[in-house]
Amino acid sequence: MIVVGVSLTSGSPTALRWAFREASARHAPLQAVTAWQPPISPPGPVPRPSVFPPLLPAEIQVRTEAALAQAVEQALGTISAVTCIAVRGGIAEVLLQASGRAQMLVIGPLHPNLTDTLLQRRRFGELMQRASCPVVIMPPAEVEAG
């Protein structure tokens, strides 16, 4: 199985397309994985109540799975050949866990529009050092539109 990490910010189209072609060539199943975390309240005084009730984890799970399926369909035109999984947790821990059952882990490039490039580099470094399979990071020339 080939696992591709999908950012719901960019949709990771380049990583999805590359992983799809690779999985097809290897006759391997393709699994698209994204991570989600419940929103955290900011520290300090209790914020003014929202007009909208907070989403429950089950609702966040359903919405994240739907967004992942939409990203896969936009990149590939189909989701029938891809297993889509949304997992609660940090992106690095979720992808490391997924790498344990994969032949290969594919992730998109550093995203230049994100302000915390150092944090991205740390995550990529952690993935490369700790993954249980080879890690393919899409090259910067293939940076996806955010």
C-alpha atoms as a PDB file:
ATOM      1  CA  MET A   1       0.000   0.000   0.000  1.00  0.00           C
ATOM      2  CA  ILE A   2       1.101   3.542  -0.749  1.00  0.00           C
ATOM      3  CA  VAL A   3       0.042   6.258   1.676  1.00  0.00           C
ATOM      4  CA  VAL A   4      -0.229   9.889   0.617  1.00  0.00           C
ATOM      5  CA  GLY A   5      -0.561  12.645   3.181  1.00  0.00           C
ATOM      6  CA  VAL A   6      -3.150  15.189   2.114  1.00  0.00           C
ATOM      7  CA  SER A   7      -3.246  18.764   3.349  1.00  0.00           C
ATOM      8  CA  LEU A   8      -6.798  20.075   3.331  1.00  0.00           C
ATOM      9  CA  THR A   9      -5.365  23.576   2.898  1.00  0.00           C
ATOM     10  CA  SER A  10      -3.831  22.870  -0.518  1.00  0.00           C
ATOM     11  CA  GLY A  11      -5.531  19.597  -1.408  1.00  0.00           C
ATOM     12  CA  SER A  12      -2.072  18.163  -2.171  1.00  0.00           C
ATOM     13  CA  PRO A  13      -2.873  17.577  -5.864  1.00  0.00           C
ATOM     14  CA  THR A  14       0.728  16.984  -6.933  1.00  0.00           C
ATOM     15  CA  ALA A  15       1.349  14.433  -4.181  1.00  0.00           C
ATOM     16  CA  LEU A  16      -1.984  12.721  -4.903  1.00  0.00           C
ATOM     17  CA  ARG A  17      -1.322  12.463  -8.642  1.00  0.00           C
ATOM     18  CA  TRP A  18       2.223  11.174  -8.174  1.00  0.00           C
ATOM     19  CA  ALA A  19       1.151   8.648  -5.542  1.00  0.00           C
ATOM     20  CA  PHE A  20      -1.739   7.499  -7.736  1.00  0.00           C
ATOM     21  CA  ARG A  21       0.581   6.861 -10.699  1.00  0.00           C
ATOM     22  CA  GLU A  22       3.077   5.060  -8.448  1.00  0.00           C
ATOM     23  CA  ALA A  23       0.394   2.909  -6.832  1.00  0.00           C
ATOM     24  CA  SER A  24      -0.974   2.007 -10.276  1.00  0.00           C
ATOM     25  CA  ALA A  25       2.487   1.049 -11.540  1.00  0.00           C
ATOM     26  CA  ARG A  26       3.076  -1.129  -8.471  1.00  0.00           C
ATOM     27  CA  HIS A  27      -0.465  -2.563  -8.460  1.00  0.00           C
ATOM     28  CA  ALA A  28      -0.667  -1.370  -4.869  1.00  0.00           C
ATOM     29  CA  PRO A  29      -3.648   0.109  -3.052  1.00  0.00           C
ATOM     30  CA  LEU A  30      -3.558   3.857  -2.447  1.00  0.00           C
ATOM     31  CA  GLN A  31      -4.584   5.395   0.845  1.00  0.00           C
ATOM     32  CA  ALA A  32      -5.068   9.157   1.256  1.00  0.00           C
ATOM     33  CA  VAL A  33      -4.606  10.249   4.877  1.00  0.00           C
ATOM     34  CA  THR A  34      -5.233  13.553   6.596  1.00  0.00           C
ATOM     35  CA  ALA A  35      -5.029  14.525  10.242  1.00  0.00           C
ATOM     36  CA  TRP A  36      -7.392  16.687  12.257  1.00  0.00           C
ATOM     37  CA  GLN A  37      -7.477  18.091  15.744  1.00  0.00           C
ATOM     38  CA  PRO A  38     -10.361  19.640  17.627  1.00  0.00           C
ATOM     39  CA  PRO A  39     -10.102  23.406  17.986  1.00  0.00           C
ATOM     40  CA  ILE A  40      -8.551  24.618  21.205  1.00  0.00           C
ATOM     41  CA  SER A  41      -9.886  27.543  23.151  1.00  0.00           C
ATOM     42  CA  PRO A  42      -7.472  30.455  23.430  1.00  0.00           C
ATOM     43  CA  PRO A  43      -6.013  31.024  26.893  1.00  0.00           C
ATOM     44  CA  GLY A  44      -7.313  33.901  28.939  1.00  0.00           C
ATOM     45  CA  PRO A  45     -10.753  35.066  29.895  1.00  0.00           C
ATOM     46  CA  VAL A  46     -13.721  33.034  28.785  1.00  0.00           C
ATOM     47  CA  PRO A  47     -14.586  34.107  25.248  1.00  0.00           C
ATOM     48  CA  ARG A  48     -18.004  35.449  24.430  1.00  0.00           C
ATOM     49  CA  PRO A  49     -20.374  32.584  23.553  1.00  0.00           C
ATOM     50  CA  SER A  50     -20.621  31.877  19.863  1.00  0.00           C
ATOM     51  CA  VAL A  51     -23.909  31.988  18.027  1.00  0.00           C
ATOM     52  CA  PHE A  52     -22.966  28.571  16.661  1.00  0.00           C
ATOM     53  CA  PRO A  53     -22.430  25.656  19.032  1.00  0.00           C
ATOM     54  CA  PRO A  54     -18.955  24.091  18.872  1.00  0.00           C
ATOM     55  CA  LEU A  55     -18.598  21.050  16.650  1.00  0.00           C
ATOM     56  CA  LEU A  56     -18.378  17.693  18.358  1.00  0.00           C
ATOM     57  CA  PRO A  57     -15.440  15.439  17.443  1.00  0.00           C
ATOM     58  CA  ALA A  58     -17.760  13.131  15.484  1.00  0.00           C
ATOM     59  CA  GLU A  59     -18.944  16.092  13.395  1.00  0.00           C
ATOM     60  CA  ILE A  60     -15.360  17.213  12.770  1.00  0.00           C
ATOM     61  CA  GLN A  61     -14.501  13.654  11.695  1.00  0.00           C
ATOM     62  CA  VAL A  62     -17.361  13.547   9.169  1.00  0.00           C
ATOM     63  CA  ARG A  63     -16.533  16.991   7.756  1.00  0.00           C
ATOM     64  CA  THR A  64     -12.823  16.153   7.494  1.00  0.00           C
ATOM     65  CA  GLU A  65     -13.547  12.874   5.708  1.00  0.00           C
ATOM     66  CA  ALA A  66     -15.811  14.718   3.248  1.00  0.00           C
ATOM     67  CA  ALA A  67     -13.155  17.396   2.620  1.00  0.00           C
ATOM     68  CA  LEU A  68     -10.534  14.689   2.044  1.00  0.00           C
ATOM     69  CA  ALA A  69     -12.758  12.847  -0.438  1.00  0.00           C
ATOM     70  CA  GLN A  70     -13.368  16.146  -2.251  1.00  0.00           C
ATOM     71  CA  ALA A  71      -9.609  16.892  -2.434  1.00  0.00           C
ATOM     72  CA  VAL A  72      -8.950  13.414  -3.845  1.00  0.00           C
ATOM     73  CA  GLU A  73     -11.729  13.746  -6.405  1.00  0.00           C
ATOM     74  CA  GLN A  74     -10.504  17.188  -7.503  1.00  0.00           C
ATOM     75  CA  ALA A  75      -6.944  15.919  -7.979  1.00  0.00           C
ATOM     76  CA  LEU A  76      -7.709  12.552  -9.539  1.00  0.00           C
ATOM     77  CA  GLY A  77     -11.221  12.830 -10.931  1.00  0.00           C
ATOM     78  CA  THR A  78     -12.290   9.804  -8.913  1.00  0.00           C
ATOM     79  CA  ILE A  79     -12.153   8.492  -5.379  1.00  0.00           C
ATOM     80  CA  SER A  80     -13.139   4.902  -6.186  1.00  0.00           C
ATOM     81  CA  ALA A  81      -9.519   3.726  -6.426  1.00  0.00           C
ATOM     82  CA  VAL A  82      -8.448   5.484  -3.212  1.00  0.00           C
ATOM     83  CA  THR A  83      -9.178   4.739   0.422  1.00  0.00           C
ATOM     84  CA  CYS A  84      -9.671   8.027   2.271  1.00  0.00           C
ATOM     85  CA  ILE A  85      -8.927   8.157   5.994  1.00  0.00           C
ATOM     86  CA  ALA A  86      -9.147  11.111   8.367  1.00  0.00           C
ATOM     87  CA  VAL A  87      -7.415  10.511  11.697  1.00  0.00           C
ATOM     88  CA  ARG A  88      -7.576  12.569  14.855  1.00  0.00           C
ATOM     89  CA  GLY A  89      -4.079  13.671  15.857  1.00  0.00           C
ATOM     90  CA  GLY A  90      -1.083  15.699  14.799  1.00  0.00           C
ATOM     91  CA  ILE A  91      -0.007  15.370  11.170  1.00  0.00           C
ATOM     92  CA  ALA A  92       3.434  13.932  11.959  1.00  0.00           C
ATOM     93  CA  GLU A  93       2.119  11.295  14.372  1.00  0.00           C
ATOM     94  CA  VAL A  94      -0.717  10.315  12.018  1.00  0.00           C
ATOM     95  CA  LEU A  95       1.608   9.908   9.013  1.00  0.00           C
ATOM     96  CA  LEU A  96       4.201   8.031  11.080  1.00  0.00           C
ATOM     97  CA  GLN A  97       1.512   5.625  12.212  1.00  0.00           C
ATOM     98  CA  ALA A  98       0.313   5.180   8.622  1.00  0.00           C
ATOM     99  CA  SER A  99       3.884   4.525   7.446  1.00  0.00           C
ATOM    100  CA  GLY A 100       3.957   1.385   9.591  1.00  0.00           C
ATOM    101  CA  ARG A 101       1.686  -0.425   7.148  1.00  0.00           C
ATOM    102  CA  ALA A 102       2.863   1.212   3.914  1.00  0.00           C
ATOM    103  CA  GLN A 103       5.384   0.446   1.181  1.00  0.00           C
ATOM    104  CA  MET A 104       5.865   4.175   0.661  1.00  0.00           C
ATOM    105  CA  LEU A 105       4.748   7.484   2.170  1.00  0.00           C
ATOM    106  CA  VAL A 106       4.231  10.420  -0.205  1.00  0.00           C
ATOM    107  CA  ILE A 107       3.884  14.001   1.013  1.00  0.00           C
ATOM    108  CA  GLY A 108       3.712  17.379  -0.665  1.00  0.00           C
ATOM    109  CA  PRO A 109       6.518  19.959  -0.618  1.00  0.00           C
ATOM    110  CA  LEU A 110       7.105  22.640   1.964  1.00  0.00           C
ATOM    111  CA  HIS A 111       4.378  25.181   1.452  1.00  0.00           C
ATOM    112  CA  PRO A 112       5.944  28.620   0.861  1.00  0.00           C
ATOM    113  CA  ASN A 113       2.797  30.496   1.871  1.00  0.00           C
ATOM    114  CA  LEU A 114       2.810  29.098   5.380  1.00  0.00           C
ATOM    115  CA  THR A 115       4.626  31.294   7.862  1.00  0.00           C
ATOM    116  CA  ASP A 116       6.061  28.533  10.005  1.00  0.00           C
ATOM    117  CA  THR A 117       8.525  26.995   7.555  1.00  0.00           C
ATOM    118  CA  LEU A 118      10.805  25.885  10.405  1.00  0.00           C
ATOM    119  CA  LEU A 119       7.997  23.819  11.916  1.00  0.00           C
ATOM    120  CA  GLN A 120       7.330  22.260   8.488  1.00  0.00           C
ATOM    121  CA  ARG A 121      11.017  21.351   8.132  1.00  0.00           C
ATOM    122  CA  ARG A 122      11.009  19.730  11.570  1.00  0.00           C
ATOM    123  CA  ARG A 123       7.951  17.676  10.672  1.00  0.00           C
ATOM    124  CA  PHE A 124       9.499  16.578   7.374  1.00  0.00           C
ATOM    125  CA  GLY A 125      12.740  15.680   9.157  1.00  0.00           C
ATOM    126  CA  GLU A 126      10.868  13.682  11.762  1.00  0.00           C
ATOM    127  CA  LEU A 127       8.936  11.833   9.077  1.00  0.00           C
ATOM    128  CA  MET A 128      12.082  10.980   7.134  1.00  0.00           C
ATOM    129  CA  GLN A 129      13.933   9.759  10.231  1.00  0.00           C
ATOM    130  CA  ARG A 130      11.145   7.816  11.891  1.00  0.00           C
ATOM    131  CA  ALA A 131       8.960   6.496   9.088  1.00  0.00           C
ATOM    132  CA  SER A 132       8.770   2.729   8.692  1.00  0.00           C
ATOM    133  CA  CYS A 133       8.974   2.975   4.895  1.00  0.00           C
ATOM    134  CA  PRO A 134      10.588   5.156   2.234  1.00  0.00           C
ATOM    135  CA  VAL A 135       9.327   8.753   2.209  1.00  0.00           C
ATOM    136  CA  VAL A 136       8.863  10.699  -1.026  1.00  0.00           C
ATOM    137  CA  ILE A 137       8.644  14.463  -0.627  1.00  0.00           C
ATOM    138  CA  MET A 138       7.492  16.247  -3.732  1.00  0.00           C
ATOM    139  CA  PRO A 139      10.117  18.729  -4.977  1.00  0.00           C
ATOM    140  CA  PRO A 140       9.690  22.481  -4.427  1.00  0.00           C
ATOM    141  CA  ALA A 141       9.231  23.076  -8.157  1.00  0.00           C
ATOM    142  CA  GLU A 142       5.977  21.160  -7.800  1.00  0.00           C
ATOM    143  CA  VAL A 143       4.590  23.370  -5.017  1.00  0.00           C
ATOM    144  CA  GLU A 144       0.823  23.156  -4.916  1.00  0.00           C
ATOM    145  CA  ALA A 145      -1.428  26.179  -5.007  1.00  0.00           C
ATOM    146  CA  GLY A 146      -2.803  26.943  -1.564  1.00  0.00           C
END
